[in-house]
Full PDB file with SEQRES, HELIX, SHEET, SSBOND, CRYST1, ORIGX, SCALE, CONECT and MASTER records, all heavy atoms in Angstrom:
SEQRES   1 A   31  ASP THR ASN VAL SER PHE SER VAL LEU PHE ASP HIS ALA          
SEQRES   2 A   31  SER MET GLY ILE LEU VAL ALA ASN GLU GLN GLY LEU ILE          
SEQRES   3 A   31  VAL MET VAL ASN PRO                                          
HELIX    1 AA1 THR A    2  HIS A   12  1                                  11    
SHEET    1 AA1 2 LEU A  18  ALA A  20  0                                        
SHEET    2 AA1 2 ILE A  26  VAL A  29 -1                                        
CRYST1    1.000    1.000    1.000  90.00  90.00  90.00 P 1           1          
ORIGX1      1.000000  0.000000  0.000000        0.00000                         
ORIGX2      0.000000  1.000000  0.000000        0.00000                         
ORIGX3      0.000000  0.000000  1.000000        0.00000                         
SCALE1      1.000000  0.000000  0.000000        0.00000                         
SCALE2      0.000000  1.000000  0.000000        0.00000                         
SCALE3      0.000000  0.000000  1.000000        0.00000                         
ATOM      1  N   ASP A   1     -21.758   6.766 -22.308  1.00  0.00           N  
ATOM      2  CA  ASP A   1     -21.719   5.646 -21.387  1.00  0.00           C  
ATOM      3  C   ASP A   1     -20.364   5.562 -20.686  1.00  0.00           C  
ATOM      4  O   ASP A   1     -20.272   5.303 -19.479  1.00  0.00           O  
ATOM      5  CB  ASP A   1     -21.989   4.349 -22.132  1.00  0.00           C  
ATOM      6  CG  ASP A   1     -23.431   4.257 -22.611  1.00  0.00           C  
ATOM      7  OD1 ASP A   1     -24.290   4.980 -22.041  1.00  0.00           O  
ATOM      8  OD2 ASP A   1     -23.695   3.494 -23.539  1.00  0.00           O  
ATOM      9  N   THR A   2     -19.290   5.763 -21.432  1.00  0.00           N  
ATOM     10  CA  THR A   2     -17.944   5.698 -20.846  1.00  0.00           C  
ATOM     11  C   THR A   2     -17.765   6.810 -19.856  1.00  0.00           C  
ATOM     12  O   THR A   2     -17.159   6.638 -18.793  1.00  0.00           O  
ATOM     13  CB  THR A   2     -16.887   5.809 -21.963  1.00  0.00           C  
ATOM     14  OG1 THR A   2     -17.102   4.783 -22.907  1.00  0.00           O  
ATOM     15  CG2 THR A   2     -15.501   5.660 -21.355  1.00  0.00           C  
ATOM     16  N   ASN A   3     -18.316   7.994 -20.168  1.00  0.00           N  
ATOM     17  CA  ASN A   3     -18.184   9.140 -19.279  1.00  0.00           C  
ATOM     18  C   ASN A   3     -18.856   8.838 -17.952  1.00  0.00           C  
ATOM     19  O   ASN A   3     -18.325   9.195 -16.876  1.00  0.00           O  
ATOM     20  CB  ASN A   3     -18.827  10.358 -19.950  1.00  0.00           C  
ATOM     21  CG  ASN A   3     -18.458  11.646 -19.245  1.00  0.00           C  
ATOM     22  OD1 ASN A   3     -17.389  11.748 -18.665  1.00  0.00           O  
ATOM     23  ND2 ASN A   3     -19.337  12.606 -19.316  1.00  0.00           N  
ATOM     24  N   VAL A   4     -19.995   8.169 -17.982  1.00  0.00           N  
ATOM     25  CA  VAL A   4     -20.709   7.804 -16.752  1.00  0.00           C  
ATOM     26  C   VAL A   4     -19.869   6.832 -15.935  1.00  0.00           C  
ATOM     27  O   VAL A   4     -19.727   6.945 -14.720  1.00  0.00           O  
ATOM     28  CB  VAL A   4     -22.078   7.185 -17.103  1.00  0.00           C  
ATOM     29  CG1 VAL A   4     -22.711   6.591 -15.836  1.00  0.00           C  
ATOM     30  CG2 VAL A   4     -22.993   8.252 -17.681  1.00  0.00           C  
ATOM     31  N   SER A   5     -19.206   5.836 -16.629  1.00  0.00           N  
ATOM     32  CA  SER A   5     -18.384   4.865 -15.925  1.00  0.00           C  
ATOM     33  C   SER A   5     -17.224   5.539 -15.230  1.00  0.00           C  
ATOM     34  O   SER A   5     -16.928   5.272 -14.068  1.00  0.00           O  
ATOM     35  CB  SER A   5     -17.854   3.812 -16.920  1.00  0.00           C  
ATOM     36  OG  SER A   5     -18.910   3.132 -17.515  1.00  0.00           O  
ATOM     37  N   PHE A   6     -16.554   6.448 -15.927  1.00  0.00           N  
ATOM     38  CA  PHE A   6     -15.436   7.134 -15.311  1.00  0.00           C  
ATOM     39  C   PHE A   6     -15.908   8.021 -14.170  1.00  0.00           C  
ATOM     40  O   PHE A   6     -15.245   8.148 -13.148  1.00  0.00           O  
ATOM     41  CB  PHE A   6     -14.700   7.957 -16.352  1.00  0.00           C  
ATOM     42  CG  PHE A   6     -13.636   8.835 -15.743  1.00  0.00           C  
ATOM     43  CD1 PHE A   6     -12.553   8.261 -15.077  1.00  0.00           C  
ATOM     44  CD2 PHE A   6     -13.717  10.206 -15.832  1.00  0.00           C  
ATOM     45  CE1 PHE A   6     -11.597   9.051 -14.500  1.00  0.00           C  
ATOM     46  CE2 PHE A   6     -12.736  11.016 -15.272  1.00  0.00           C  
ATOM     47  CZ  PHE A   6     -11.679  10.417 -14.611  1.00  0.00           C  
ATOM     48  N   SER A   7     -17.085   8.629 -14.340  1.00  0.00           N  
ATOM     49  CA  SER A   7     -17.612   9.517 -13.294  1.00  0.00           C  
ATOM     50  C   SER A   7     -17.810   8.740 -12.009  1.00  0.00           C  
ATOM     51  O   SER A   7     -17.456   9.214 -10.935  1.00  0.00           O  
ATOM     52  CB  SER A   7     -18.956  10.118 -13.747  1.00  0.00           C  
ATOM     53  OG  SER A   7     -19.547  10.872 -12.714  1.00  0.00           O  
ATOM     54  N   VAL A   8     -18.345   7.513 -12.097  1.00  0.00           N  
ATOM     55  CA  VAL A   8     -18.540   6.688 -10.892  1.00  0.00           C  
ATOM     56  C   VAL A   8     -17.211   6.377 -10.256  1.00  0.00           C  
ATOM     57  O   VAL A   8     -17.019   6.494  -9.041  1.00  0.00           O  
ATOM     58  CB  VAL A   8     -19.299   5.388 -11.273  1.00  0.00           C  
ATOM     59  CG1 VAL A   8     -19.320   4.442 -10.078  1.00  0.00           C  
ATOM     60  CG2 VAL A   8     -20.716   5.706 -11.727  1.00  0.00           C  
ATOM     61  N   LEU A   9     -16.206   5.986 -11.059  1.00  0.00           N  
ATOM     62  CA  LEU A   9     -14.883   5.638 -10.554  1.00  0.00           C  
ATOM     63  C   LEU A   9     -14.232   6.843  -9.895  1.00  0.00           C  
ATOM     64  O   LEU A   9     -13.703   6.749  -8.790  1.00  0.00           O  
ATOM     65  CB  LEU A   9     -14.017   5.146 -11.712  1.00  0.00           C  
ATOM     66  CG  LEU A   9     -12.553   4.819 -11.401  1.00  0.00           C  
ATOM     67  CD1 LEU A   9     -12.457   3.613 -10.488  1.00  0.00           C  
ATOM     68  CD2 LEU A   9     -11.772   4.581 -12.697  1.00  0.00           C  
ATOM     69  N   PHE A  10     -14.294   7.984 -10.546  1.00  0.00           N  
ATOM     70  CA  PHE A  10     -13.627   9.190 -10.078  1.00  0.00           C  
ATOM     71  C   PHE A  10     -14.318   9.789  -8.862  1.00  0.00           C  
ATOM     72  O   PHE A  10     -13.688  10.130  -7.878  1.00  0.00           O  
ATOM     73  CB  PHE A  10     -13.600  10.200 -11.232  1.00  0.00           C  
ATOM     74  CG  PHE A  10     -12.772  11.431 -10.969  1.00  0.00           C  
ATOM     75  CD1 PHE A  10     -11.399  11.401 -11.102  1.00  0.00           C  
ATOM     76  CD2 PHE A  10     -13.385  12.624 -10.606  1.00  0.00           C  
ATOM     77  CE1 PHE A  10     -10.638  12.528 -10.872  1.00  0.00           C  
ATOM     78  CE2 PHE A  10     -12.637  13.773 -10.376  1.00  0.00           C  
ATOM     79  CZ  PHE A  10     -11.249  13.710 -10.510  1.00  0.00           C  
ATOM     80  N   ASP A  11     -15.630   9.898  -8.941  1.00  0.00           N  
ATOM     81  CA  ASP A  11     -16.393  10.578  -7.877  1.00  0.00           C  
ATOM     82  C   ASP A  11     -16.515   9.770  -6.607  1.00  0.00           C  
ATOM     83  O   ASP A  11     -16.653  10.330  -5.507  1.00  0.00           O  
ATOM     84  CB  ASP A  11     -17.801  10.935  -8.380  1.00  0.00           C  
ATOM     85  CG  ASP A  11     -17.765  12.020  -9.454  1.00  0.00           C  
ATOM     86  OD1 ASP A  11     -16.714  12.687  -9.598  1.00  0.00           O  
ATOM     87  OD2 ASP A  11     -18.766  12.217 -10.122  1.00  0.00           O  
ATOM     88  N   HIS A  12     -16.426   8.417  -6.710  1.00  0.00           N  
ATOM     89  CA  HIS A  12     -16.676   7.594  -5.530  1.00  0.00           C  
ATOM     90  C   HIS A  12     -15.417   6.881  -5.005  1.00  0.00           C  
ATOM     91  O   HIS A  12     -15.487   6.011  -4.169  1.00  0.00           O  
ATOM     92  CB  HIS A  12     -17.753   6.555  -5.823  1.00  0.00           C  
ATOM     93  CG  HIS A  12     -19.101   7.175  -6.139  1.00  0.00           C  
ATOM     94  ND1 HIS A  12     -19.949   7.680  -5.156  1.00  0.00           N  
ATOM     95  CD2 HIS A  12     -19.709   7.447  -7.322  1.00  0.00           C  
ATOM     96  CE1 HIS A  12     -21.026   8.199  -5.733  1.00  0.00           C  
ATOM     97  NE2 HIS A  12     -20.912   8.063  -7.042  1.00  0.00           N  
ATOM     98  N   ALA A  13     -14.249   7.222  -5.570  1.00  0.00           N  
ATOM     99  CA  ALA A  13     -13.000   6.638  -5.075  1.00  0.00           C  
ATOM    100  C   ALA A  13     -12.769   7.029  -3.625  1.00  0.00           C  
ATOM    101  O   ALA A  13     -13.068   8.163  -3.221  1.00  0.00           O  
ATOM    102  CB  ALA A  13     -11.835   7.123  -5.944  1.00  0.00           C  
ATOM    103  N   SER A  14     -12.256   6.072  -2.833  1.00  0.00           N  
ATOM    104  CA  SER A  14     -12.061   6.328  -1.418  1.00  0.00           C  
ATOM    105  C   SER A  14     -10.654   6.889  -1.134  1.00  0.00           C  
ATOM    106  O   SER A  14     -10.052   6.576  -0.117  1.00  0.00           O  
ATOM    107  CB  SER A  14     -12.279   5.066  -0.611  1.00  0.00           C  
ATOM    108  OG  SER A  14     -11.422   4.038  -1.052  1.00  0.00           O  
ATOM    109  N   MET A  15     -10.134   7.650  -2.061  1.00  0.00           N  
ATOM    110  CA  MET A  15      -8.878   8.358  -1.881  1.00  0.00           C  
ATOM    111  C   MET A  15      -8.930   9.642  -2.703  1.00  0.00           C  
ATOM    112  O   MET A  15      -9.743   9.752  -3.640  1.00  0.00           O  
ATOM    113  CB  MET A  15      -7.686   7.499  -2.335  1.00  0.00           C  
ATOM    114  CG  MET A  15      -7.633   7.243  -3.836  1.00  0.00           C  
ATOM    115  SD  MET A  15      -6.090   6.451  -4.344  1.00  0.00           S  
ATOM    116  CE  MET A  15      -6.216   4.902  -3.507  1.00  0.00           C  
ATOM    117  N   GLY A  16      -8.153  10.628  -2.312  1.00  0.00           N  
ATOM    118  CA  GLY A  16      -8.144  11.884  -3.055  1.00  0.00           C  
ATOM    119  C   GLY A  16      -7.443  11.693  -4.393  1.00  0.00           C  
ATOM    120  O   GLY A  16      -6.384  11.084  -4.484  1.00  0.00           O  
ATOM    121  N   ILE A  17      -8.057  12.214  -5.463  1.00  0.00           N  
ATOM    122  CA  ILE A  17      -7.433  12.151  -6.803  1.00  0.00           C  
ATOM    123  C   ILE A  17      -7.365  13.568  -7.369  1.00  0.00           C  
ATOM    124  O   ILE A  17      -8.330  14.325  -7.341  1.00  0.00           O  
ATOM    125  CB  ILE A  17      -8.282  11.268  -7.773  1.00  0.00           C  
ATOM    126  CG1 ILE A  17      -8.487   9.879  -7.156  1.00  0.00           C  
ATOM    127  CG2 ILE A  17      -7.586  11.155  -9.126  1.00  0.00           C  
ATOM    128  CD1 ILE A  17      -9.378   8.980  -8.007  1.00  0.00           C  
ATOM    129  N   LEU A  18      -6.187  13.887  -7.878  1.00  0.00           N  
ATOM    130  CA  LEU A  18      -5.929  15.218  -8.436  1.00  0.00           C  
ATOM    131  C   LEU A  18      -5.233  15.065  -9.779  1.00  0.00           C  
ATOM    132  O   LEU A  18      -4.350  14.218  -9.935  1.00  0.00           O  
ATOM    133  CB  LEU A  18      -5.035  16.001  -7.444  1.00  0.00           C  
ATOM    134  CG  LEU A  18      -4.543  17.396  -7.836  1.00  0.00           C  
ATOM    135  CD1 LEU A  18      -4.321  18.218  -6.575  1.00  0.00           C  
ATOM    136  CD2 LEU A  18      -3.231  17.331  -8.608  1.00  0.00           C  
ATOM    137  N   VAL A  19      -5.661  15.842 -10.768  1.00  0.00           N  
ATOM    138  CA  VAL A  19      -5.024  15.862 -12.086  1.00  0.00           C  
ATOM    139  C   VAL A  19      -4.424  17.250 -12.331  1.00  0.00           C  
ATOM    140  O   VAL A  19      -5.107  18.260 -12.118  1.00  0.00           O  
ATOM    141  CB  VAL A  19      -6.036  15.515 -13.204  1.00  0.00           C  
ATOM    142  CG1 VAL A  19      -5.342  15.545 -14.568  1.00  0.00           C  
ATOM    143  CG2 VAL A  19      -6.635  14.148 -12.960  1.00  0.00           C  
ATOM    144  N   ALA A  20      -3.153  17.298 -12.704  1.00  0.00           N  
ATOM    145  CA  ALA A  20      -2.494  18.593 -12.982  1.00  0.00           C  
ATOM    146  C   ALA A  20      -1.819  18.530 -14.334  1.00  0.00           C  
ATOM    147  O   ALA A  20      -1.460  17.459 -14.830  1.00  0.00           O  
ATOM    148  CB  ALA A  20      -1.449  18.879 -11.890  1.00  0.00           C  
ATOM    149  N   ASN A  21      -1.646  19.714 -14.925  1.00  0.00           N  
ATOM    150  CA  ASN A  21      -0.969  19.794 -16.229  1.00  0.00           C  
ATOM    151  C   ASN A  21       0.528  19.963 -16.023  1.00  0.00           C  
ATOM    152  O   ASN A  21       1.015  19.984 -14.896  1.00  0.00           O  
ATOM    153  CB  ASN A  21      -1.563  20.873 -17.106  1.00  0.00           C  
ATOM    154  CG  ASN A  21      -1.443  22.269 -16.448  1.00  0.00           C  
ATOM    155  OD1 ASN A  21      -0.592  22.483 -15.578  1.00  0.00           O  
ATOM    156  ND2 ASN A  21      -2.296  23.189 -16.867  1.00  0.00           N  
ATOM    157  N   GLU A  22       1.275  20.084 -17.144  1.00  0.00           N  
ATOM    158  CA  GLU A  22       2.725  20.198 -17.067  1.00  0.00           C  
ATOM    159  C   GLU A  22       3.184  21.442 -16.340  1.00  0.00           C  
ATOM    160  O   GLU A  22       4.303  21.512 -15.822  1.00  0.00           O  
ATOM    161  CB  GLU A  22       3.323  20.166 -18.476  1.00  0.00           C  
ATOM    162  CG  GLU A  22       3.241  18.818 -19.148  1.00  0.00           C  
ATOM    163  CD  GLU A  22       3.914  18.810 -20.532  1.00  0.00           C  
ATOM    164  OE1 GLU A  22       3.262  19.260 -21.476  1.00  0.00           O  
ATOM    165  OE2 GLU A  22       5.056  18.378 -20.619  1.00  0.00           O  
ATOM    166  N   GLN A  23       2.341  22.471 -16.300  1.00  0.00           N  
ATOM    167  CA  GLN A  23       2.704  23.712 -15.614  1.00  0.00           C  
ATOM    168  C   GLN A  23       2.469  23.624 -14.107  1.00  0.00           C  
ATOM    169  O   GLN A  23       2.735  24.571 -13.378  1.00  0.00           O  
ATOM    170  CB  GLN A  23       1.916  24.900 -16.198  1.00  0.00           C  
ATOM    171  CG  GLN A  23       2.315  25.273 -17.635  1.00  0.00           C  
ATOM    172  CD  GLN A  23       1.816  24.276 -18.653  1.00  0.00           C  
ATOM    173  OE1 GLN A  23       0.696  23.794 -18.578  1.00  0.00           O  
ATOM    174  NE2 GLN A  23       2.680  23.913 -19.594  1.00  0.00           N  
ATOM    175  N   GLY A  24       1.964  22.475 -13.649  1.00  0.00           N  
ATOM    176  CA  GLY A  24       1.710  22.310 -12.211  1.00  0.00           C  
ATOM    177  C   GLY A  24       0.398  22.921 -11.766  1.00  0.00           C  
ATOM    178  O   GLY A  24       0.229  23.175 -10.573  1.00  0.00           O  
ATOM    179  N   LEU A  25      -0.494  23.215 -12.711  1.00  0.00           N  
ATOM    180  CA  LEU A  25      -1.807  23.779 -12.368  1.00  0.00           C  
ATOM    181  C   LEU A  25      -2.842  22.674 -12.222  1.00  0.00           C  
ATOM    182  O   LEU A  25      -2.872  21.717 -13.023  1.00  0.00           O  
ATOM    183  CB  LEU A  25      -2.253  24.794 -13.428  1.00  0.00           C  
ATOM    184  CG  LEU A  25      -1.343  25.998 -13.623  1.00  0.00           C  
ATOM    185  CD1 LEU A  25      -1.903  26.902 -14.708  1.00  0.00           C  
ATOM    186  CD2 LEU A  25      -1.155  26.765 -12.330  1.00  0.00           C  
ATOM    187  N   ILE A  26      -3.696  22.780 -11.238  1.00  0.00           N  
ATOM    188  CA  ILE A  26      -4.719  21.759 -10.983  1.00  0.00           C  
ATOM    189  C   ILE A  26      -5.790  21.824 -12.060  1.00  0.00           C  
ATOM    190  O   ILE A  26      -6.373  22.880 -12.337  1.00  0.00           O  
ATOM    191  CB  ILE A  26      -5.349  21.948  -9.600  1.00  0.00           C  
ATOM    192  CG1 ILE A  26      -4.272  21.808  -8.525  1.00  0.00           C  
ATOM    193  CG2 ILE A  26      -6.471  20.950  -9.374  1.00  0.00           C  
ATOM    194  CD1 ILE A  26      -4.736  22.195  -7.128  1.00  0.00           C  
ATOM    195  N   VAL A  27      -6.096  20.658 -12.685  1.00  0.00           N  
ATOM    196  CA  VAL A  27      -7.078  20.570 -13.743  1.00  0.00           C  
ATOM    197  C   VAL A  27      -8.383  19.916 -13.251  1.00  0.00           C  
ATOM    198  O   VAL A  27      -9.478  20.340 -13.586  1.00  0.00           O  
ATOM    199  CB  VAL A  27      -6.512  19.773 -14.948  1.00  0.00           C  
ATOM    200  CG1 VAL A  27      -7.600  19.564 -16.010  1.00  0.00           C  
ATOM    201  CG2 VAL A  27      -5.307  20.498 -15.531  1.00  0.00           C  
ATOM    202  N   MET A  28      -8.236  18.889 -12.433  1.00  0.00           N  
ATOM    203  CA  MET A  28      -9.386  18.167 -11.925  1.00  0.00           C  
ATOM    204  C   MET A  28      -9.135  17.728 -10.489  1.00  0.00           C  
ATOM    205  O   MET A  28      -7.993  17.430 -10.136  1.00  0.00           O  
ATOM    206  CB  MET A  28      -9.698  16.891 -12.773  1.00  0.00           C  
ATOM    207  CG  MET A  28     -10.035  17.140 -14.248  1.00  0.00           C  
ATOM    208  SD  MET A  28     -10.185  15.551 -15.123  1.00  0.00           S  
ATOM    209  CE  MET A  28     -11.616  14.854 -14.326  1.00  0.00           C  
ATOM    210  N   VAL A  29     -10.169  17.684  -9.665  1.00  0.00           N  
ATOM    211  CA  VAL A  29     -10.099  17.129  -8.311  1.00  0.00           C  
ATOM    212  C   VAL A  29     -11.404  16.367  -8.057  1.00  0.00           C  
ATOM    213  O   VAL A  29     -12.469  16.754  -8.550  1.00  0.00           O  
ATOM    214  CB  VAL A  29      -9.935  18.227  -7.241  1.00  0.00           C  
ATOM    215  CG1 VAL A  29      -8.510  18.777  -7.269  1.00  0.00           C  
ATOM    216  CG2 VAL A  29     -10.923  19.361  -7.435  1.00  0.00           C  
ATOM    217  N   ASN A  30     -11.294  15.254  -7.315  1.00  0.00           N  
ATOM    218  CA  ASN A  30     -12.516  14.519  -7.023  1.00  0.00           C  
ATOM    219  C   ASN A  30     -13.105  14.930  -5.674  1.00  0.00           C  
ATOM    220  O   ASN A  30     -12.427  15.598  -4.876  1.00  0.00           O  
ATOM    221  CB  ASN A  30     -12.261  13.015  -7.100  1.00  0.00           C  
ATOM    222  CG  ASN A  30     -11.479  12.491  -5.892  1.00  0.00           C  
ATOM    223  OD1 ASN A  30     -10.784  13.265  -5.234  1.00  0.00           O  
ATOM    224  ND2 ASN A  30     -11.582  11.209  -5.612  1.00  0.00           N  
ATOM    225  N   PRO A  31     -14.360  14.585  -5.406  1.00  0.00           N  
ATOM    226  CA  PRO A  31     -15.000  15.028  -4.171  1.00  0.00           C  
ATOM    227  C   PRO A  31     -14.252  14.591  -2.914  1.00  0.00           C  
ATOM    228  O   PRO A  31     -14.241  15.329  -1.922  1.00  0.00           O  
ATOM    229  CB  PRO A  31     -16.395  14.354  -4.252  1.00  0.00           C  
ATOM    230  CG  PRO A  31     -16.646  14.193  -5.716  1.00  0.00           C  
ATOM    231  CD  PRO A  31     -15.318  13.888  -6.308  1.00  0.00           C  
TER     232      PRO A  31                                                      
MASTER        0    0    0    1    2    0    0    6  231    1    0    3          
END                                                                             
């Protein structure tokens, strides 16, 4: 259930969201 909530927040945000690790490599990006 929590995963679905975060998916809605992440996938439908009206701004670009990017997650990177300490090495500066991209881990996640939203649509």
